[in-house]
Protein backbone atom coordinates (compact mmCIF):
# COMPACT_ATOMS: atom_id res chain seq x y z
CA UNK A 1 -11.45 -26.60 29.93
CA UNK A 2 -8.00 -27.47 28.31
CA UNK A 3 -9.28 -25.85 25.09
CA UNK A 4 -10.07 -22.61 27.00
CA UNK A 5 -6.60 -22.56 28.47
CA UNK A 6 -5.09 -23.13 25.11
CA UNK A 7 -7.04 -20.37 23.77
CA UNK A 8 -5.96 -17.76 26.37
CA UNK A 9 -2.23 -19.01 25.92
CA UNK A 10 -2.42 -18.50 22.37
CA UNK A 11 -4.00 -14.98 22.65
CA UNK A 12 -0.86 -14.20 24.96
CA UNK A 13 1.51 -15.33 22.37
CA UNK A 14 0.39 -12.66 19.92
CA UNK A 15 2.87 -9.94 19.28
CA UNK A 16 2.36 -6.83 21.64
CA UNK A 17 -0.23 -8.94 23.73
CA UNK A 18 -0.47 -8.25 27.50
CA UNK A 19 -0.78 -11.24 29.74
CA UNK A 20 -2.26 -9.01 32.27
CA UNK A 21 -4.98 -7.69 30.22
CA UNK A 22 -5.85 -11.06 28.57
CA UNK A 23 -5.99 -12.55 32.09
CA UNK A 24 -8.43 -9.87 33.20
CA UNK A 25 -10.53 -10.14 30.17
CA UNK A 26 -11.04 -13.90 30.79
CA UNK A 27 -11.29 -13.36 34.54
CA UNK A 28 -8.42 -15.50 35.47
CA UNK A 29 -5.24 -14.69 37.64
CA UNK A 30 -2.18 -13.54 35.45
CA UNK A 31 0.12 -16.07 37.39
CA UNK A 32 -2.07 -18.83 36.48
CA UNK A 33 -1.80 -17.77 32.80
CA UNK A 34 1.98 -17.60 33.17
CA UNK A 35 1.69 -21.19 34.53
CA UNK A 36 -0.26 -22.43 31.49
CA UNK A 37 2.24 -20.84 29.17
CA UNK A 38 4.98 -22.70 30.73
CA UNK A 39 3.08 -26.05 30.53
CA UNK A 40 2.25 -25.23 26.90
CA UNK A 41 6.00 -24.61 26.25
CA UNK A 42 6.91 -28.07 27.64
CA UNK A 43 4.13 -29.65 25.61
CA UNK A 44 2.25 -30.62 28.77
CA UNK A 45 -0.94 -28.38 28.05
CA UNK A 46 -2.73 -30.61 25.58
CA UNK A 47 -6.44 -31.46 25.19
CA UNK A 48 -6.77 -35.31 26.04
CA UNK A 49 -8.93 -35.67 22.84
CA UNK A 50 -6.55 -33.63 20.69
CA UNK A 51 -3.53 -35.84 21.09
CA UNK A 52 -2.90 -37.02 17.57
CA UNK A 53 -0.31 -36.86 15.00
CA UNK A 54 0.02 -33.21 13.53
CA UNK A 55 1.79 -31.66 10.69
CA UNK A 56 4.78 -29.56 11.93
CA UNK A 57 6.76 -26.73 10.24
CA UNK A 58 9.78 -27.85 8.40
CA UNK A 59 12.91 -25.64 7.56
CA UNK A 60 15.23 -26.54 4.80
CA UNK A 61 18.73 -25.46 5.52
CA UNK A 62 20.24 -25.56 2.14
CA UNK A 63 18.99 -25.83 -1.44
CA UNK A 64 20.58 -27.84 -4.18
CA UNK A 65 20.02 -26.36 -7.61
CA UNK A 66 20.82 -27.90 -11.19
CA UNK A 67 21.61 -31.49 -9.62
CA UNK A 68 20.94 -34.09 -12.25
CA UNK A 69 18.72 -37.06 -11.47
CA UNK A 70 21.08 -39.70 -10.04
CA UNK A 71 21.25 -43.25 -11.14
CA UNK A 72 20.63 -46.13 -8.81
CA UNK A 73 24.37 -46.49 -7.84
CA UNK A 74 24.66 -42.80 -7.16
CA UNK A 75 21.50 -42.69 -5.17
CA UNK A 76 22.68 -45.66 -2.96
CA UNK A 77 26.04 -43.82 -2.41
CA UNK A 78 24.33 -40.50 -1.53
CA UNK A 79 22.04 -42.30 1.00
CA UNK A 80 25.02 -43.95 2.59
CA UNK A 81 27.44 -40.93 2.50
CA UNK A 82 25.59 -38.28 4.62
CA UNK A 83 22.70 -36.25 5.53
CA UNK A 84 21.13 -35.45 8.96
CA UNK A 85 17.79 -34.66 10.40
CA UNK A 86 17.39 -32.08 13.25
CA UNK A 87 14.24 -31.91 15.32
CA UNK A 88 13.64 -29.47 18.03
CA UNK A 89 10.71 -29.79 20.43
CA UNK A 90 10.65 -26.50 22.15
CA UNK A 91 10.97 -26.86 25.89
CA UNK A 92 11.57 -30.50 25.61
CA UNK A 93 14.58 -31.77 23.46
CA UNK A 94 16.68 -31.14 20.44
CA UNK A 95 17.45 -34.20 18.61
CA UNK A 96 20.00 -34.61 15.66
CA UNK A 97 19.79 -37.76 13.66
CA UNK A 98 22.80 -38.53 11.50
CA UNK A 99 22.99 -40.74 8.45
CA UNK A 100 23.12 -44.34 9.54
CA UNK A 101 21.31 -43.76 12.80
CA UNK A 102 19.43 -46.92 13.98
CA UNK A 103 15.85 -46.45 12.97
CA UNK A 104 14.53 -48.56 16.08
CA UNK A 105 16.42 -46.37 18.49
CA UNK A 106 15.38 -43.18 16.87
CA UNK A 107 11.66 -44.43 17.03
CA UNK A 108 11.93 -45.28 20.64
CA UNK A 109 13.52 -41.84 21.61
CA UNK A 110 10.80 -39.94 19.51
CA UNK A 111 7.96 -42.09 21.22
CA UNK A 112 9.37 -41.37 24.73
CA UNK A 113 9.18 -37.67 23.94
CA UNK A 114 5.63 -37.92 22.83
CA UNK A 115 4.50 -38.95 26.32
């Protein structure tokens, strides 16, 4: 049943799609489809058997060109000097982890959002 709901929700996400028309075609109330869409956006409309780790799209915010291979000391300095990871879970949270963030705390935060 959840897979059918997800299929309907995905159809409504297509450009130019009409929720009312899709709901009628699947013989469900349009208000119900809007509710499923809200659950989907919050990450709460998931198939119990489908809960697994999945690959997510990644966006690189800047390119580095022509940078020579660093030696070990330069690599250690680069690791400790900066960098950040920004994770957005639509409808749930936006997380930024700066260089030096506690890995155990970050893991705990990410696992709590998975639930």
